[in-house]
């Protein structure tokens, strides 16, 4: 699979290791969105981070990561569900103002008012309340911003390596687990080894983070997950916990767009068609275009469209 998430655990229960690699799903997500290279990289890195975090939520919902700023980029949003379906988008104030070598800080935090938001949304079929954390945009990279958030807001030692280009998104997460014995069913753990102590687990954490620190962005983009894990941790006792497929999904449909056009009213639609041969509406999130000609628009007021775009008479 080219769109894969994998999770591992050091057998002394000191560290959780997770990795994600996207190609087909990422290219599908970019199919209708054209961004400058620096923004595309930021979006891809935030996408990898959202997927890595979504695999650890303990409910059927989603993780939403949001970078909001006052620079050429006003908003970057990625949502990943517990089923590992994701969508991602960017809102620009003015594409002409985006510098070729823009960074997280210059694109979003020029005057220091940028904010990083984490939203845990349990969905509607639960009594759980959504959680939202908002912190200043501290760090020069998406990885540094998230590491600061996890350290300060969640009290979890977390290290992230993220990379993205037009073809591939990749990321790796290391997270230190609390010192406690016994089985950890929430992450598929095993009992601590008889000689496992807080001191030995701290040594393991320090050792694997030093090993992972040798990982470069080009290597992360070029090598598959198994190769990276073997290169870095071939001497470490690892337990592989799970492998999952990741998919792009945006819930926009032709039916939903048609319903939106219907709300404009017949007179407004006819006025628009007098100015052009067809009406094109793009999804605000994924950018996918939906085209309606005069026949399609007339059908909106006498027929229903199913999600495949087929017309069904009343």
Protein backbone atom coordinates (compact mmCIF):
# COMPACT_ATOMS: atom_id res chain seq x y z
CA UNK A 1 0.00 0.00 0.00
CA UNK A 2 1.25 3.48 -0.82
CA UNK A 3 -1.00 5.15 1.79
CA UNK A 4 -0.05 3.44 5.01
CA UNK A 5 0.14 4.00 8.76
CA UNK A 6 2.15 1.72 11.04
CA UNK A 7 2.54 1.64 14.82
CA UNK A 8 5.25 0.04 16.95
CA UNK A 9 6.06 -0.26 20.64
CA UNK A 10 9.37 -0.78 22.39
CA UNK A 11 8.93 -3.95 24.42
CA UNK A 12 9.88 -2.17 27.65
CA UNK A 13 6.81 0.06 27.16
CA UNK A 14 8.95 3.19 27.14
CA UNK A 15 8.16 4.54 23.68
CA UNK A 16 5.48 4.44 21.04
CA UNK A 17 6.72 4.77 17.45
CA UNK A 18 4.31 5.66 14.61
CA UNK A 19 4.89 6.32 10.93
CA UNK A 20 2.77 7.35 7.97
CA UNK A 21 3.47 7.54 4.25
CA UNK A 22 1.04 8.88 1.63
CA UNK A 23 1.29 9.04 -2.13
CA UNK A 24 -1.93 8.21 -3.98
CA UNK A 25 -4.19 9.73 -1.29
CA UNK A 26 -2.08 12.89 -1.12
CA UNK A 27 -2.08 13.34 -4.88
CA UNK A 28 -5.86 12.86 -4.91
CA UNK A 29 -6.17 15.59 -2.29
CA UNK A 30 -4.07 17.98 -4.38
CA UNK A 31 -5.85 17.21 -7.65
CA UNK A 32 -8.06 20.31 -7.50
CA UNK A 33 -5.83 22.50 -5.32
CA UNK A 34 -2.83 24.41 -6.59
CA UNK A 35 -0.53 25.94 -3.97
CA UNK A 36 2.97 27.38 -4.02
CA UNK A 37 5.60 24.84 -3.00
CA UNK A 38 6.20 26.30 0.45
CA UNK A 39 2.49 26.20 1.31
CA UNK A 40 2.03 22.73 -0.11
CA UNK A 41 4.85 21.51 2.13
CA UNK A 42 3.24 23.05 5.22
CA UNK A 43 -0.11 21.51 4.34
CA UNK A 44 1.48 18.10 3.82
CA UNK A 45 3.39 18.23 7.10
CA UNK A 46 0.23 19.19 8.99
CA UNK A 47 -1.56 16.34 7.23
CA UNK A 48 1.02 13.80 8.38
CA UNK A 49 0.81 15.17 11.93
CA UNK A 50 -3.00 14.97 12.01
CA UNK A 51 -2.94 11.33 10.90
CA UNK A 52 -0.32 10.42 13.48
CA UNK A 53 -2.38 12.02 16.26
CA UNK A 54 -5.75 10.66 15.06
CA UNK A 55 -4.59 7.06 15.53
CA UNK A 56 -4.40 7.60 19.30
CA UNK A 57 -7.85 9.02 19.99
CA UNK A 58 -10.10 6.69 21.98
CA UNK A 59 -13.42 7.54 20.33
CA UNK A 60 -15.04 7.45 16.90
CA UNK A 61 -14.45 11.03 15.85
CA UNK A 62 -11.81 13.23 14.32
CA UNK A 63 -8.75 15.34 14.99
CA UNK A 64 -8.66 18.79 13.43
CA UNK A 65 -5.38 20.72 13.31
CA UNK A 66 -5.52 24.38 12.37
CA UNK A 67 -2.86 27.01 11.74
CA UNK A 68 -4.36 30.51 11.69
CA UNK A 69 -2.31 33.59 11.05
CA UNK A 70 -2.02 37.18 9.90
CA UNK A 71 0.32 36.73 6.94
CA UNK A 72 -0.25 35.79 3.29
CA UNK A 73 -1.85 32.56 4.56
CA UNK A 74 -4.90 33.09 6.72
CA UNK A 75 -5.73 29.46 7.49
CA UNK A 76 -4.46 25.90 7.06
CA UNK A 77 -6.81 23.14 8.20
CA UNK A 78 -6.46 19.36 8.22
CA UNK A 79 -9.08 16.94 9.51
CA UNK A 80 -8.40 13.24 10.05
CA UNK A 81 -11.01 10.81 11.36
CA UNK A 82 -10.46 7.81 13.61
CA UNK A 83 -11.05 5.72 10.46
CA UNK A 84 -7.98 7.42 8.94
CA UNK A 85 -9.79 9.36 6.26
CA UNK A 86 -8.51 12.90 5.88
CA UNK A 87 -9.06 16.17 4.06
CA UNK A 88 -6.97 19.32 3.99
CA UNK A 89 -7.17 22.87 2.67
CA UNK A 90 -5.53 26.30 2.70
CA UNK A 91 -7.03 29.81 2.62
CA UNK A 92 -4.84 32.56 1.16
CA UNK A 93 -5.26 36.29 1.62
CA UNK A 94 -3.45 37.07 -1.61
CA UNK A 95 -1.50 34.48 -3.64
CA UNK A 96 0.66 37.30 -5.03
CA UNK A 97 2.03 38.01 -1.53
CA UNK A 98 3.32 34.48 -0.94
CA UNK A 99 7.14 34.50 -0.97
CA UNK A 100 8.92 31.73 -2.85
CA UNK A 101 10.82 30.69 0.28
CA UNK A 102 8.04 31.29 2.76
CA UNK A 103 8.25 29.64 6.18
CA UNK A 104 5.70 28.83 8.84
CA UNK A 105 6.48 32.07 10.66
CA UNK A 106 6.64 34.40 7.65
CA UNK A 107 3.51 32.92 6.07
CA UNK A 108 1.32 32.80 9.18
CA UNK A 109 2.90 34.59 12.12
CA UNK A 110 4.47 37.78 10.85
CA UNK A 111 3.31 39.94 13.78
CA UNK A 112 3.20 37.19 16.39
CA UNK A 113 -0.57 36.79 16.46
CA UNK A 114 -0.67 33.37 14.79
CA UNK A 115 -2.41 30.57 16.64
CA UNK A 116 -2.26 26.78 16.55
CA UNK A 117 -5.49 24.95 17.37
CA UNK A 118 -6.15 21.29 18.14
CA UNK A 119 -9.79 20.19 18.06
CA UNK A 120 -10.88 16.71 19.15
CA UNK A 121 -14.38 16.18 17.78
CA UNK A 122 -16.20 13.08 19.07
CA UNK A 123 -19.01 13.56 16.57
CA UNK A 124 -22.74 13.68 17.17
CA UNK A 125 -23.38 10.10 18.29
CA UNK A 126 -21.86 10.51 21.75
CA UNK A 127 -22.28 12.41 24.98
CA UNK A 128 -18.62 13.47 24.91
CA UNK A 129 -17.96 17.17 24.54
CA UNK A 130 -15.49 18.42 21.92
CA UNK A 131 -12.08 19.48 23.20
CA UNK A 132 -10.27 22.51 21.84
CA UNK A 133 -6.77 23.67 22.69
CA UNK A 134 -5.37 26.95 21.37
CA UNK A 135 -1.73 27.94 21.83
CA UNK A 136 0.66 30.50 20.31
CA UNK A 137 2.47 29.43 17.17
CA UNK A 138 5.80 28.62 18.81
CA UNK A 139 8.42 27.04 16.58
CA UNK A 140 9.90 27.36 13.11
CA UNK A 141 8.29 24.19 11.74
CA UNK A 142 5.01 22.31 12.06
CA UNK A 143 6.88 19.62 14.01
CA UNK A 144 8.21 22.13 16.53
CA UNK A 145 4.79 23.74 17.01
CA UNK A 146 3.21 20.36 17.71
CA UNK A 147 6.02 19.22 20.00
CA UNK A 148 5.60 22.39 22.07
CA UNK A 149 1.85 21.84 22.22
CA UNK A 150 2.18 18.21 23.34
CA UNK A 151 4.81 19.11 25.92
CA UNK A 152 3.01 22.11 27.41
CA UNK A 153 -0.66 21.19 27.01
CA UNK A 154 -0.65 17.40 27.14
CA UNK A 155 2.49 16.85 29.27
CA UNK A 156 3.71 14.23 26.82
CA UNK A 157 7.28 14.06 25.55
CA UNK A 158 6.78 13.84 21.79
CA UNK A 159 9.14 14.09 18.83
CA UNK A 160 8.01 14.50 15.24
CA UNK A 161 9.69 14.27 11.85
CA UNK A 162 7.54 15.52 8.96
CA UNK A 163 8.12 16.02 5.24
CA UNK A 164 6.03 16.68 2.14
CA UNK A 165 6.32 17.52 -1.54
CA UNK A 166 3.96 17.28 -4.50
CA UNK A 167 4.17 13.47 -4.62
CA UNK A 168 4.61 12.24 -1.06
CA UNK A 169 3.72 13.01 2.54
CA UNK A 170 5.60 11.22 5.29
CA UNK A 171 5.94 11.49 9.03
CA UNK A 172 7.22 9.72 12.11
CA UNK A 173 6.20 10.23 15.73
CA UNK A 174 7.95 9.09 18.89
CA UNK A 175 6.07 9.46 22.15
CA UNK A 176 7.29 8.63 25.63
CA UNK A 177 4.76 6.60 27.58
CA UNK A 178 4.06 7.04 31.30
CA UNK A 179 6.03 4.87 33.71
CA UNK A 180 3.60 2.20 34.89
CA UNK A 181 3.58 -1.58 34.89
CA UNK A 182 1.08 -4.00 33.47
CA UNK A 183 -0.66 -4.35 30.14
CA UNK A 184 -1.61 -1.18 28.28
CA UNK A 185 -4.72 -2.12 26.30
CA UNK A 186 -5.20 1.39 24.92
CA UNK A 187 -2.13 1.11 22.73
CA UNK A 188 -1.75 -2.66 22.50
CA UNK A 189 1.12 -2.82 24.94
CA UNK A 190 2.69 -5.79 26.69
CA UNK A 191 3.68 -6.21 30.32
CA UNK A 192 6.86 -4.41 31.34
CA UNK A 193 9.85 -6.71 31.23
CA UNK A 194 10.96 -8.01 34.64
CA UNK A 195 14.04 -5.79 34.64
CA UNK A 196 12.21 -2.73 33.24
CA UNK A 197 12.51 0.27 35.54
CA UNK A 198 11.75 3.98 35.18
CA UNK A 199 15.47 4.55 34.75
CA UNK A 200 15.86 1.91 32.02
CA UNK A 201 12.78 3.19 30.18
CA UNK A 202 14.18 6.73 30.33
CA UNK A 203 17.40 5.42 28.82
CA UNK A 204 15.41 3.73 26.05
CA UNK A 205 13.55 6.95 25.28
CA UNK A 206 16.78 8.93 25.09
CA UNK A 207 18.42 6.30 22.91
CA UNK A 208 15.64 5.97 20.32
CA UNK A 209 15.17 9.75 20.06
CA UNK A 210 18.89 10.10 19.36
CA UNK A 211 18.65 7.41 16.69
CA UNK A 212 15.59 9.05 15.13
CA UNK A 213 17.33 12.43 15.11
CA UNK A 214 19.54 11.18 12.30
CA UNK A 215 16.50 10.97 9.99
CA UNK A 216 16.52 13.58 7.22
CA UNK A 217 13.59 14.96 5.23
CA UNK A 218 14.87 13.55 1.90
CA UNK A 219 15.22 10.12 3.50
CA UNK A 220 11.72 10.38 4.96
CA UNK A 221 10.29 11.17 1.52
CA UNK A 222 12.26 8.59 -0.44
CA UNK A 223 12.22 5.48 1.75
CA UNK A 224 9.22 3.36 2.73
CA UNK A 225 8.21 2.89 6.36
CA UNK A 226 9.74 -0.56 6.79
CA UNK A 227 13.08 0.65 5.44
CA UNK A 228 13.16 3.67 7.74
CA UNK A 229 12.20 1.68 10.84
CA UNK A 230 14.86 -0.93 10.06
CA UNK A 231 17.58 1.65 9.41
CA UNK A 232 16.91 3.50 12.64
CA UNK A 233 15.89 0.81 15.10
CA UNK A 234 17.25 -2.51 13.84
CA UNK A 235 18.90 -3.17 17.20
CA UNK A 236 15.85 -2.21 19.27
CA UNK A 237 13.29 -4.77 20.50
CA UNK A 238 10.15 -3.60 18.70
CA UNK A 239 6.62 -4.96 18.69
CA UNK A 240 4.62 -4.05 15.58
CA UNK A 241 1.09 -3.23 16.69
CA UNK A 242 -0.90 -2.36 13.59
CA UNK A 243 -0.88 -1.45 9.91
CA UNK A 244 -3.74 0.62 8.52
CA UNK A 245 -4.72 2.18 5.21
CA UNK A 246 -5.14 5.96 4.95
CA UNK A 247 -7.60 7.52 2.50
CA UNK A 248 -8.48 10.99 1.24
CA UNK A 249 -12.15 11.86 1.70
CA UNK A 250 -14.08 15.08 1.27
CA UNK A 251 -17.86 14.79 1.78
CA UNK A 252 -18.72 17.25 -0.98
CA UNK A 253 -21.06 15.86 -3.65
CA UNK A 254 -22.86 17.14 -6.73
CA UNK A 255 -26.13 16.78 -4.81
CA UNK A 256 -24.97 19.07 -2.02
CA UNK A 257 -23.73 21.67 -4.49
CA UNK A 258 -27.01 21.43 -6.40
CA UNK A 259 -28.96 21.98 -3.18
CA UNK A 260 -26.89 25.07 -2.49
CA UNK A 261 -27.63 26.44 -5.96
CA UNK A 262 -31.32 25.70 -5.49
CA UNK A 263 -31.30 27.90 -2.38
CA UNK A 264 -30.27 30.85 -4.58
CA UNK A 265 -33.62 30.63 -6.32
CA UNK A 266 -34.66 30.19 -9.94
CA UNK A 267 -34.42 33.92 -10.80
CA UNK A 268 -30.85 34.23 -9.54
CA UNK A 269 -29.78 31.06 -11.36
CA UNK A 270 -31.33 32.25 -14.63
CA UNK A 271 -29.61 35.62 -14.22
CA UNK A 272 -26.25 33.90 -13.82
CA UNK A 273 -26.85 31.75 -16.89
CA UNK A 274 -27.54 34.84 -18.97
CA UNK A 275 -23.95 35.92 -18.24
CA UNK A 276 -22.32 32.53 -18.94
CA UNK A 277 -23.03 29.16 -20.56
CA UNK A 278 -22.72 27.25 -17.32
CA UNK A 279 -22.22 27.74 -13.60
CA UNK A 280 -19.12 26.26 -11.98
CA UNK A 281 -18.98 25.88 -8.22
CA UNK A 282 -15.87 24.58 -6.44
CA UNK A 283 -15.89 22.93 -3.04
CA UNK A 284 -14.61 25.39 -0.44
CA UNK A 285 -12.56 22.64 1.17
CA UNK A 286 -11.07 20.40 -1.52
CA UNK A 287 -11.49 22.65 -4.55
CA UNK A 288 -13.30 20.03 -6.67
CA UNK A 289 -15.32 21.83 -9.39
CA UNK A 290 -18.94 21.02 -10.17
CA UNK A 291 -20.38 22.33 -13.46
CA UNK A 292 -24.07 22.96 -14.12
CA UNK A 293 -25.37 23.97 -17.56
CA UNK A 294 -28.84 25.36 -18.30
CA UNK A 295 -30.40 21.90 -18.44
CA UNK A 296 -28.80 20.90 -15.13
CA UNK A 297 -29.99 24.10 -13.47
CA UNK A 298 -33.54 23.69 -14.72
CA UNK A 299 -33.55 20.16 -13.35
CA UNK A 300 -32.70 21.47 -9.88
CA UNK A 301 -36.21 22.81 -9.53
CA UNK A 302 -38.10 19.79 -10.83
CA UNK A 303 -35.91 16.83 -9.93
CA UNK A 304 -33.68 15.43 -7.19
CA UNK A 305 -30.11 14.42 -7.86
CA UNK A 306 -28.60 11.44 -6.07
CA UNK A 307 -24.93 11.54 -5.02
CA UNK A 308 -23.83 10.02 -8.33
CA UNK A 309 -25.33 12.96 -10.21
CA UNK A 310 -28.13 10.87 -11.74
CA UNK A 311 -31.48 12.62 -12.13
CA UNK A 312 -34.51 11.12 -10.42
CA UNK A 313 -37.91 12.53 -11.33
CA UNK A 314 -40.38 13.43 -8.56
